[in-house]
């Protein structure tokens, strides 16, 4: 589909198809075998992250008695830092540690953080959050970079591979809130059982990775600078157009901020809306408010194969939108989801406990927008980023998420201060729709800056 001019195989000759799963490796449904291992590793890390995230703001408000504004601001700071530290972790992987070593250290620190949260004291609570932030910084940019390294230069399977990988993220994101939320909100267990369950998930992911790494990821994940030095070679040199590629990525990152600032209301204001304003029964089944955090992941699992097939079919017909155009469509779908939620909020403003279908309908449109932006965005970074800065620029991608999540927390803090819930959720209609329309306008510029991404 979108073909890079510079290779993104961070280890040079060590990552040729024979060892790195290039075009010759089609053992996993037409994709490299290593994709399955990274799928499972990321699945368990996301189980831990989304399982804990489903609990965090509800724990602060319901168990500790914090105000919505205070809880939302801490939530935004935490999630913002989770996406800021990958910038540092990506640099360390590129220059010092290599992606595989960074991933192992990060996973171990994340697990320790979740188990620390399970200790029922405030010092342990803050220490646990800090450990998760630091561990995620080492883990997150490197697992995504390794997926990109599985595919040789110009391999048309890359976007579909990232969509499959994205399904792994969402298997974990579906199971985490169900398991951790059940333990946290069930008599006889409690919040700290939910936090501990998240740590068990991360340990399982680390164990799977260590057991099968050499078998399925041989040669993947050594920093380009270090591996080149071992072979007596100079580090990768600058290539023509590198500056334009970086500028294109930075422009796209601005729109990514707008997307996630709205989308990530899921863990804060939308989570509180589920807990306080939504009827927790559906079709005769009693629900837990934390379970709504699993709904987006379930929709991703259902629709990710549909979108992967759609992009492939459009590519064969020569009609596939460019990545920036897909992302603009994603922003507009996100805006449509908040329109649905604003209608539900209008009923809640009248004092009615609203149907769960309002939230579910909003999440459906949000996920369709997410599938137009997030997995293809990860693929876009691995194709456009200059080879010298592969993990670092993946960190920049997550830095956009960091800024977005801090903004998301600050906006969620307004939930109880605005005159109505309808007015509150309308803010996100305006943010997402405005950004989507503006991005459609700048698509030609982005296509000129990165002309090899067709």
Protein backbone atom coordinates (compact mmCIF):
# COMPACT_ATOMS: atom_id res chain seq x y z
CA UNK A 1 0.00 0.00 0.00
CA UNK A 2 2.09 2.95 1.22
CA UNK A 3 5.69 2.36 0.23
CA UNK A 4 8.63 3.96 2.09
CA UNK A 5 11.75 4.98 0.23
CA UNK A 6 14.05 4.41 3.20
CA UNK A 7 14.15 1.00 4.92
CA UNK A 8 12.69 0.77 8.40
CA UNK A 9 14.56 -2.36 9.34
CA UNK A 10 16.39 -0.99 12.32
CA UNK A 11 19.15 -3.60 12.39
CA UNK A 12 20.31 -3.51 8.79
CA UNK A 13 21.48 -6.87 7.49
CA UNK A 14 20.40 -8.65 10.67
CA UNK A 15 16.77 -8.02 9.76
CA UNK A 16 16.53 -9.46 6.32
CA UNK A 17 13.49 -11.59 5.47
CA UNK A 18 15.14 -14.86 6.39
CA UNK A 19 15.47 -13.86 10.02
CA UNK A 20 13.09 -11.01 10.52
CA UNK A 21 10.02 -12.37 8.94
CA UNK A 22 10.09 -10.46 5.66
CA UNK A 23 8.10 -11.40 2.58
CA UNK A 24 9.24 -15.04 2.79
CA UNK A 25 7.64 -15.54 6.22
CA UNK A 26 3.90 -16.10 5.82
CA UNK A 27 3.40 -18.76 8.48
CA UNK A 28 0.76 -16.84 10.47
CA UNK A 29 -2.20 -16.44 8.11
CA UNK A 30 0.07 -14.82 5.55
CA UNK A 31 2.02 -12.77 8.12
CA UNK A 32 5.33 -13.33 9.95
CA UNK A 33 5.20 -15.75 12.87
CA UNK A 34 6.62 -13.11 15.21
CA UNK A 35 3.42 -11.11 14.84
CA UNK A 36 1.60 -13.76 16.89
CA UNK A 37 4.05 -13.48 19.77
CA UNK A 38 3.91 -9.67 19.81
CA UNK A 39 0.10 -9.94 19.59
CA UNK A 40 0.05 -12.04 22.80
CA UNK A 41 2.62 -9.91 24.64
CA UNK A 42 0.76 -6.69 23.90
CA UNK A 43 -2.57 -8.34 24.72
CA UNK A 44 -1.51 -9.04 28.31
CA UNK A 45 0.07 -5.62 28.76
CA UNK A 46 -3.15 -3.99 27.60
CA UNK A 47 -5.13 -6.34 29.90
CA UNK A 48 -3.19 -4.84 32.80
CA UNK A 49 -3.43 -1.24 31.58
CA UNK A 50 -7.13 -1.16 30.69
CA UNK A 51 -8.11 -3.32 33.64
CA UNK A 52 -6.56 -0.81 36.03
CA UNK A 53 -7.76 2.19 34.00
CA UNK A 54 -11.36 1.02 34.30
CA UNK A 55 -11.01 1.19 38.09
CA UNK A 56 -8.91 4.31 38.59
CA UNK A 57 -11.34 7.23 38.47
CA UNK A 58 -14.16 5.24 40.08
CA UNK A 59 -11.80 4.22 42.90
CA UNK A 60 -10.82 7.83 43.46
CA UNK A 61 -14.42 9.09 43.49
CA UNK A 62 -16.27 6.19 45.12
CA UNK A 63 -13.66 4.67 47.47
CA UNK A 64 -11.50 7.68 48.39
CA UNK A 65 -14.28 10.29 48.16
CA UNK A 66 -12.42 12.64 45.80
CA UNK A 67 -14.32 15.27 43.81
CA UNK A 68 -14.82 14.70 40.09
CA UNK A 69 -12.47 17.59 39.27
CA UNK A 70 -9.66 16.33 41.52
CA UNK A 71 -10.02 12.74 40.31
CA UNK A 72 -10.17 13.75 36.63
CA UNK A 73 -7.05 15.88 36.95
CA UNK A 74 -5.07 13.05 38.55
CA UNK A 75 -6.41 10.64 35.94
CA UNK A 76 -5.32 13.02 33.16
CA UNK A 77 -1.87 13.48 34.69
CA UNK A 78 -1.38 9.73 35.06
CA UNK A 79 -2.53 8.82 31.55
CA UNK A 80 -0.60 11.75 30.11
CA UNK A 81 2.62 10.55 31.78
CA UNK A 82 1.95 7.00 30.58
CA UNK A 83 2.14 8.32 27.02
CA UNK A 84 4.97 10.81 27.69
CA UNK A 85 7.58 8.38 29.00
CA UNK A 86 7.66 6.34 25.74
CA UNK A 87 9.48 9.32 24.21
CA UNK A 88 12.34 8.69 26.65
CA UNK A 89 11.99 4.92 26.36
CA UNK A 90 12.17 5.11 22.58
CA UNK A 91 15.39 7.14 22.77
CA UNK A 92 16.94 4.67 25.22
CA UNK A 93 16.01 1.76 22.97
CA UNK A 94 17.42 3.43 19.84
CA UNK A 95 20.70 4.48 21.45
CA UNK A 96 21.45 2.17 24.36
CA UNK A 97 19.25 -0.78 25.27
CA UNK A 98 17.66 -2.12 22.11
CA UNK A 99 13.94 -2.70 21.86
CA UNK A 100 13.91 -6.25 23.23
CA UNK A 101 15.78 -5.43 26.45
CA UNK A 102 13.68 -2.29 26.99
CA UNK A 103 10.52 -4.32 26.56
CA UNK A 104 11.52 -6.88 29.21
CA UNK A 105 12.56 -4.27 31.78
CA UNK A 106 9.40 -2.26 31.12
CA UNK A 107 7.09 -5.25 31.53
CA UNK A 108 8.67 -6.22 34.86
CA UNK A 109 8.34 -2.66 36.22
CA UNK A 110 4.70 -2.43 35.08
CA UNK A 111 3.84 -5.67 36.91
CA UNK A 112 5.57 -4.39 40.05
CA UNK A 113 3.52 -1.20 39.80
CA UNK A 114 0.21 -3.03 39.68
CA UNK A 115 1.11 -5.21 42.65
CA UNK A 116 2.15 -2.09 44.57
CA UNK A 117 -1.29 -0.58 43.88
CA UNK A 118 -2.80 -3.64 45.54
CA UNK A 119 -1.32 -2.50 48.88
CA UNK A 120 -4.11 -0.41 50.54
CA UNK A 121 -2.12 2.70 51.52
CA UNK A 122 -1.81 6.08 49.82
CA UNK A 123 2.02 5.97 49.55
CA UNK A 124 1.70 2.59 47.80
CA UNK A 125 -1.00 4.01 45.54
CA UNK A 126 1.19 6.84 44.30
CA UNK A 127 4.27 4.60 44.06
CA UNK A 128 2.32 2.07 42.01
CA UNK A 129 1.17 4.72 39.54
CA UNK A 130 4.76 5.97 39.20
CA UNK A 131 6.10 2.47 38.49
CA UNK A 132 3.47 1.85 35.82
CA UNK A 133 4.34 5.16 34.17
CA UNK A 134 8.07 4.32 34.09
CA UNK A 135 7.55 0.74 32.92
CA UNK A 136 5.18 1.75 30.15
CA UNK A 137 7.76 4.23 28.88
CA UNK A 138 10.15 1.36 28.20
CA UNK A 139 7.55 -1.12 26.97
CA UNK A 140 5.13 0.71 24.73
CA UNK A 141 7.15 2.30 21.88
CA UNK A 142 9.32 -0.77 21.49
CA UNK A 143 6.66 -3.41 21.00
CA UNK A 144 5.11 -1.29 18.21
CA UNK A 145 8.52 -0.72 16.61
CA UNK A 146 9.20 -4.46 16.62
CA UNK A 147 5.98 -5.06 14.69
CA UNK A 148 7.24 -2.68 12.02
CA UNK A 149 10.59 -4.52 11.91
CA UNK A 150 8.82 -7.77 11.02
CA UNK A 151 8.08 -6.45 7.52
CA UNK A 152 10.65 -5.78 4.81
CA UNK A 153 10.80 -2.49 2.94
CA UNK A 154 7.78 -2.09 0.67
CA UNK A 155 5.90 -5.09 2.13
CA UNK A 156 2.21 -4.43 1.34
CA UNK A 157 1.09 -6.50 4.36
CA UNK A 158 2.26 -3.89 6.86
CA UNK A 159 -1.06 -2.01 7.39
CA UNK A 160 -3.01 -5.27 7.69
CA UNK A 161 -0.35 -6.55 10.11
CA UNK A 162 -0.75 -3.52 12.34
CA UNK A 163 -4.52 -3.96 12.29
CA UNK A 164 -4.09 -7.58 13.43
CA UNK A 165 -1.70 -6.38 16.14
CA UNK A 166 -4.31 -3.80 17.10
CA UNK A 167 -6.76 -6.64 17.66
CA UNK A 168 -4.32 -8.05 20.23
CA UNK A 169 -4.39 -4.73 22.05
CA UNK A 170 -8.15 -4.93 22.19
CA UNK A 171 -8.42 -8.55 23.30
CA UNK A 172 -6.56 -7.39 26.39
CA UNK A 173 -8.56 -4.17 26.60
CA UNK A 174 -11.78 -6.22 26.54
CA UNK A 175 -10.77 -8.82 29.12
CA UNK A 176 -9.05 -6.42 31.54
CA UNK A 177 -12.10 -4.33 32.55
CA UNK A 178 -14.29 -7.45 32.76
CA UNK A 179 -11.94 -9.37 35.07
CA UNK A 180 -10.51 -6.49 37.09
CA UNK A 181 -13.87 -4.69 37.23
CA UNK A 182 -15.66 -7.82 38.44
CA UNK A 183 -13.17 -8.30 41.27
CA UNK A 184 -13.20 -4.61 42.21
CA UNK A 185 -17.00 -4.23 42.28
CA UNK A 186 -17.98 -7.60 43.79
CA UNK A 187 -18.56 -8.15 47.50
CA UNK A 188 -15.88 -10.29 49.07
CA UNK A 189 -13.14 -8.93 46.85
CA UNK A 190 -12.62 -5.18 46.39
CA UNK A 191 -10.63 -2.56 44.54
CA UNK A 192 -7.21 -3.90 45.46
CA UNK A 193 -8.04 -7.37 44.10
CA UNK A 194 -8.71 -5.66 40.77
CA UNK A 195 -5.34 -3.90 40.88
CA UNK A 196 -3.56 -7.18 41.68
CA UNK A 197 -5.29 -8.97 38.80
CA UNK A 198 -3.85 -6.36 36.43
CA UNK A 199 -0.36 -7.25 37.68
CA UNK A 200 -0.95 -10.95 37.05
CA UNK A 201 -1.88 -10.12 33.45
CA UNK A 202 1.38 -8.26 32.87
CA UNK A 203 3.42 -11.14 34.33
CA UNK A 204 1.71 -13.56 31.93
CA UNK A 205 2.63 -11.34 28.99
CA UNK A 206 6.27 -11.17 30.07
CA UNK A 207 6.45 -14.94 30.54
CA UNK A 208 5.04 -15.64 27.06
CA UNK A 209 7.49 -13.20 25.49
CA UNK A 210 10.55 -14.66 27.24
CA UNK A 211 9.58 -18.25 26.43
CA UNK A 212 9.16 -17.72 22.67
CA UNK A 213 11.29 -14.67 21.84
CA UNK A 214 14.27 -16.52 20.36
CA UNK A 215 12.06 -18.85 18.38
CA UNK A 216 9.84 -16.26 16.71
CA UNK A 217 11.71 -12.94 16.98
CA UNK A 218 15.31 -13.93 16.33
CA UNK A 219 17.28 -10.85 15.29
CA UNK A 220 14.41 -8.46 15.96
CA UNK A 221 14.80 -5.64 18.46
CA UNK A 222 18.49 -4.70 18.71
CA UNK A 223 19.18 -0.97 18.49
CA UNK A 224 20.45 0.10 15.07
CA UNK A 225 23.34 2.13 16.51
CA UNK A 226 24.58 -0.71 18.71
CA UNK A 227 24.21 -3.43 16.08
CA UNK A 228 25.95 -1.30 13.46
CA UNK A 229 28.81 -0.67 15.89
CA UNK A 230 29.18 -4.39 16.48
CA UNK A 231 29.54 -4.97 12.74
CA UNK A 232 32.03 -2.09 12.42
CA UNK A 233 29.56 -0.02 10.38
CA UNK A 234 28.59 3.62 10.68
CA UNK A 235 25.10 4.33 12.05
CA UNK A 236 22.39 4.90 9.40
CA UNK A 237 23.00 8.14 7.53
CA UNK A 238 20.51 10.88 6.81
CA UNK A 239 18.47 10.35 3.64
CA UNK A 240 16.92 12.85 1.26
CA UNK A 241 13.50 13.97 2.44
CA UNK A 242 14.04 13.02 6.11
CA UNK A 243 13.20 16.54 7.30
CA UNK A 244 9.96 16.61 5.29
CA UNK A 245 8.97 13.24 6.75
CA UNK A 246 9.50 14.50 10.29
CA UNK A 247 7.44 17.64 9.56
CA UNK A 248 4.61 15.48 8.18
CA UNK A 249 4.65 13.35 11.34
CA UNK A 250 4.56 16.43 13.57
CA UNK A 251 1.57 17.89 11.70
CA UNK A 252 -0.29 14.59 11.96
CA UNK A 253 0.55 14.47 15.67
CA UNK A 254 -1.37 17.73 16.23
CA UNK A 255 -4.53 16.13 14.88
CA UNK A 256 -3.84 13.02 16.94
CA UNK A 257 -3.92 15.26 20.04
CA UNK A 258 -7.43 16.44 19.11
CA UNK A 259 -8.60 12.87 18.53
CA UNK A 260 -7.37 11.40 21.81
CA UNK A 261 -8.35 14.42 23.92
CA UNK A 262 -11.93 13.59 22.96
CA UNK A 263 -11.72 9.81 22.62
CA UNK A 264 -10.06 9.29 25.99
CA UNK A 265 -13.07 10.68 27.81
CA UNK A 266 -13.92 6.97 27.83
CA UNK A 267 -11.90 6.35 30.99
CA UNK A 268 -12.95 9.51 32.82
CA UNK A 269 -16.16 11.43 32.04
CA UNK A 270 -17.81 8.61 30.08
CA UNK A 271 -16.86 6.17 32.85
CA UNK A 272 -18.50 8.47 35.40
CA UNK A 273 -21.53 8.86 33.11
CA UNK A 274 -21.88 5.07 33.10
CA UNK A 275 -21.56 4.93 36.89
CA UNK A 276 -23.90 7.80 37.80
CA UNK A 277 -26.37 8.34 34.94
CA UNK A 278 -26.82 4.98 33.16
CA UNK A 279 -29.21 2.14 34.00
CA UNK A 280 -27.00 -0.82 34.82
CA UNK A 281 -29.32 -3.40 33.33
CA UNK A 282 -29.60 -4.46 29.71
CA UNK A 283 -31.77 -7.27 28.42
CA UNK A 284 -32.38 -8.48 31.96
CA UNK A 285 -28.62 -8.68 32.71
CA UNK A 286 -27.20 -6.70 35.63
CA UNK A 287 -24.06 -4.83 34.61
CA UNK A 288 -21.14 -3.27 36.44
CA UNK A 289 -20.23 0.24 35.41
CA UNK A 290 -16.60 -0.76 34.82
CA UNK A 291 -17.72 -3.23 32.14
CA UNK A 292 -18.57 -0.39 29.77
CA UNK A 293 -14.81 0.10 29.44
CA UNK A 294 -14.73 -3.25 27.62
CA UNK A 295 -17.29 -2.20 25.00
CA UNK A 296 -14.89 -0.28 22.70
CA UNK A 297 -12.46 -3.19 22.69
CA UNK A 298 -15.25 -5.62 21.79
CA UNK A 299 -16.23 -3.42 18.85
CA UNK A 300 -12.61 -3.27 17.71
CA UNK A 301 -12.44 -7.06 17.72
CA UNK A 302 -15.59 -7.22 15.63
CA UNK A 303 -14.76 -4.49 13.15
CA UNK A 304 -10.94 -4.57 12.85
CA UNK A 305 -11.07 -7.50 10.37
CA UNK A 306 -13.78 -5.64 8.46
CA UNK A 307 -11.65 -2.51 8.16
CA UNK A 308 -8.53 -4.53 7.26
CA UNK A 309 -10.48 -6.24 4.47
CA UNK A 310 -11.95 -2.90 3.37
CA UNK A 311 -8.52 -1.27 3.02
CA UNK A 312 -7.21 -4.30 1.13
CA UNK A 313 -10.19 -4.30 -1.25
CA UNK A 314 -9.91 -0.57 -1.91
CA UNK A 315 -6.17 -0.94 -2.48
CA UNK A 316 -6.73 -3.61 -5.14
CA UNK A 317 -9.18 -1.27 -6.87
CA UNK A 318 -6.81 1.68 -6.60
CA UNK A 319 -9.28 3.58 -4.39
CA UNK A 320 -7.74 3.31 -0.92
CA UNK A 321 -7.62 6.69 0.89
CA UNK A 322 -4.22 7.93 2.01
CA UNK A 323 -3.42 7.53 5.71
CA UNK A 324 -4.03 11.25 6.50
CA UNK A 325 -7.42 11.07 4.75
CA UNK A 326 -8.36 7.98 6.76
CA UNK A 327 -7.44 9.84 9.92
CA UNK A 328 -9.63 12.82 8.99
CA UNK A 329 -12.55 10.43 8.48
CA UNK A 330 -11.80 8.97 11.92
CA UNK A 331 -12.11 12.40 13.54
CA UNK A 332 -15.50 12.98 11.92
CA UNK A 333 -16.77 9.59 13.11
CA UNK A 334 -15.60 10.46 16.62
CA UNK A 335 -17.63 13.69 16.44
CA UNK A 336 -20.69 11.69 15.38
CA UNK A 337 -20.30 9.46 18.45
CA UNK A 338 -20.38 12.46 20.76
CA UNK A 339 -23.51 13.71 19.00
CA UNK A 340 -25.18 10.43 20.02
CA UNK A 341 -23.90 10.78 23.59
CA UNK A 342 -25.11 14.39 23.79
CA UNK A 343 -28.66 13.17 23.04
CA UNK A 344 -28.36 10.64 25.87
CA UNK A 345 -26.94 13.32 28.16
CA UNK A 346 -29.99 15.50 27.41
CA UNK A 347 -32.18 12.83 29.03
CA UNK A 348 -29.79 12.55 31.97
CA UNK A 349 -30.04 16.30 32.50
CA UNK A 350 -33.74 15.75 33.19
CA UNK A 351 -32.84 13.38 36.03
CA UNK A 352 -33.42 10.14 34.11
CA UNK A 353 -31.15 7.10 34.35
CA UNK A 354 -30.60 6.60 30.64
CA UNK A 355 -30.41 3.42 28.60
CA UNK A 356 -27.00 1.80 28.20
CA UNK A 357 -27.61 1.92 24.44
CA UNK A 358 -26.66 5.61 24.34
CA UNK A 359 -23.17 4.84 25.58
CA UNK A 360 -22.91 1.73 23.43
CA UNK A 361 -23.96 3.66 20.31
CA UNK A 362 -21.40 6.37 21.03
CA UNK A 363 -18.67 3.79 21.55
CA UNK A 364 -19.54 2.10 18.26
CA UNK A 365 -18.96 5.30 16.28
CA UNK A 366 -15.86 6.11 18.32
CA UNK A 367 -14.36 2.72 17.51
CA UNK A 368 -15.04 3.14 13.82
CA UNK A 369 -13.17 6.42 14.05
CA UNK A 370 -10.39 4.76 16.02
CA UNK A 371 -9.93 2.09 13.35
CA UNK A 372 -9.52 4.83 10.75
CA UNK A 373 -6.82 6.53 12.82
CA UNK A 374 -4.92 4.49 15.36
CA UNK A 375 -3.69 1.26 13.70
CA UNK A 376 -2.96 2.98 10.38
CA UNK A 377 -1.30 5.78 12.36
CA UNK A 378 1.11 3.32 13.98
CA UNK A 379 1.87 1.91 10.55
CA UNK A 380 2.32 5.45 9.19
CA UNK A 381 5.03 6.18 11.77
CA UNK A 382 6.99 3.04 10.92
CA UNK A 383 6.83 3.92 7.20
CA UNK A 384 7.50 7.65 7.34
CA UNK A 385 9.97 7.94 10.23
CA UNK A 386 13.63 8.13 9.11
CA UNK A 387 15.48 4.91 9.98
CA UNK A 388 17.80 6.68 12.45
CA UNK A 389 14.88 7.72 14.66
CA UNK A 390 12.46 4.79 14.40
CA UNK A 391 11.75 4.25 18.10
CA UNK A 392 12.24 7.91 19.01
CA UNK A 393 9.55 9.05 16.57
CA UNK A 394 7.29 6.25 17.75
CA UNK A 395 7.80 7.91 21.14
CA UNK A 396 6.76 11.25 19.60
CA UNK A 397 3.57 9.55 18.40
CA UNK A 398 2.84 8.54 21.98
CA UNK A 399 3.85 12.02 23.17
CA UNK A 400 0.86 13.32 21.21
CA UNK A 401 -1.25 10.91 23.27
CA UNK A 402 0.37 12.28 26.43
CA UNK A 403 -0.58 15.86 25.65
CA UNK A 404 -4.05 14.70 24.62
CA UNK A 405 -4.65 12.76 27.82
CA UNK A 406 -3.61 15.64 30.04
CA UNK A 407 -6.00 17.87 28.09
CA UNK A 408 -8.65 15.14 28.34
CA UNK A 409 -8.31 15.10 32.14
CA UNK A 410 -8.56 18.89 32.35
CA UNK A 411 -11.69 18.85 30.19
CA UNK A 412 -13.24 15.98 32.18
CA UNK A 413 -12.76 18.09 35.32
CA UNK A 414 -15.37 20.48 33.88
CA UNK A 415 -18.07 17.79 33.98
CA UNK A 416 -19.67 18.99 37.22
CA UNK A 417 -19.06 22.71 36.60
CA UNK A 418 -20.90 23.24 33.30
CA UNK A 419 -24.66 23.90 33.37
CA UNK A 420 -25.54 20.57 31.76
CA UNK A 421 -24.12 17.25 30.60
CA UNK A 422 -25.37 18.10 27.10
CA UNK A 423 -23.19 21.19 27.03
CA UNK A 424 -20.24 19.21 28.38
CA UNK A 425 -20.32 16.48 25.72
CA UNK A 426 -20.98 19.05 22.99
CA UNK A 427 -17.44 20.35 23.61
CA UNK A 428 -16.10 17.14 22.10
CA UNK A 429 -18.40 17.33 19.11
CA UNK A 430 -16.83 20.69 18.30
CA UNK A 431 -13.23 19.55 18.90
CA UNK A 432 -13.48 16.39 16.80
CA UNK A 433 -15.55 17.84 13.95
CA UNK A 434 -13.39 20.96 13.69
CA UNK A 435 -10.15 18.95 13.63
CA UNK A 436 -11.55 16.49 11.08
CA UNK A 437 -12.60 19.21 8.65
CA UNK A 438 -9.26 21.02 9.04
CA UNK A 439 -7.33 17.81 8.44
CA UNK A 440 -9.22 17.17 5.21
CA UNK A 441 -8.05 20.62 4.13
CA UNK A 442 -4.35 19.88 4.84
CA UNK A 443 -4.29 16.35 3.38
CA UNK A 444 -2.70 17.57 0.08
CA UNK A 445 0.13 19.20 2.05
CA UNK A 446 0.78 16.01 4.02
CA UNK A 447 0.83 13.95 0.83
CA UNK A 448 3.42 16.32 -0.65
CA UNK A 449 5.62 16.19 2.46
CA UNK A 450 5.64 12.38 2.46
CA UNK A 451 5.17 11.62 -1.26
CA UNK A 452 6.43 8.04 -0.96
CA UNK A 453 3.45 7.21 1.27
CA UNK A 454 0.90 6.88 -1.50
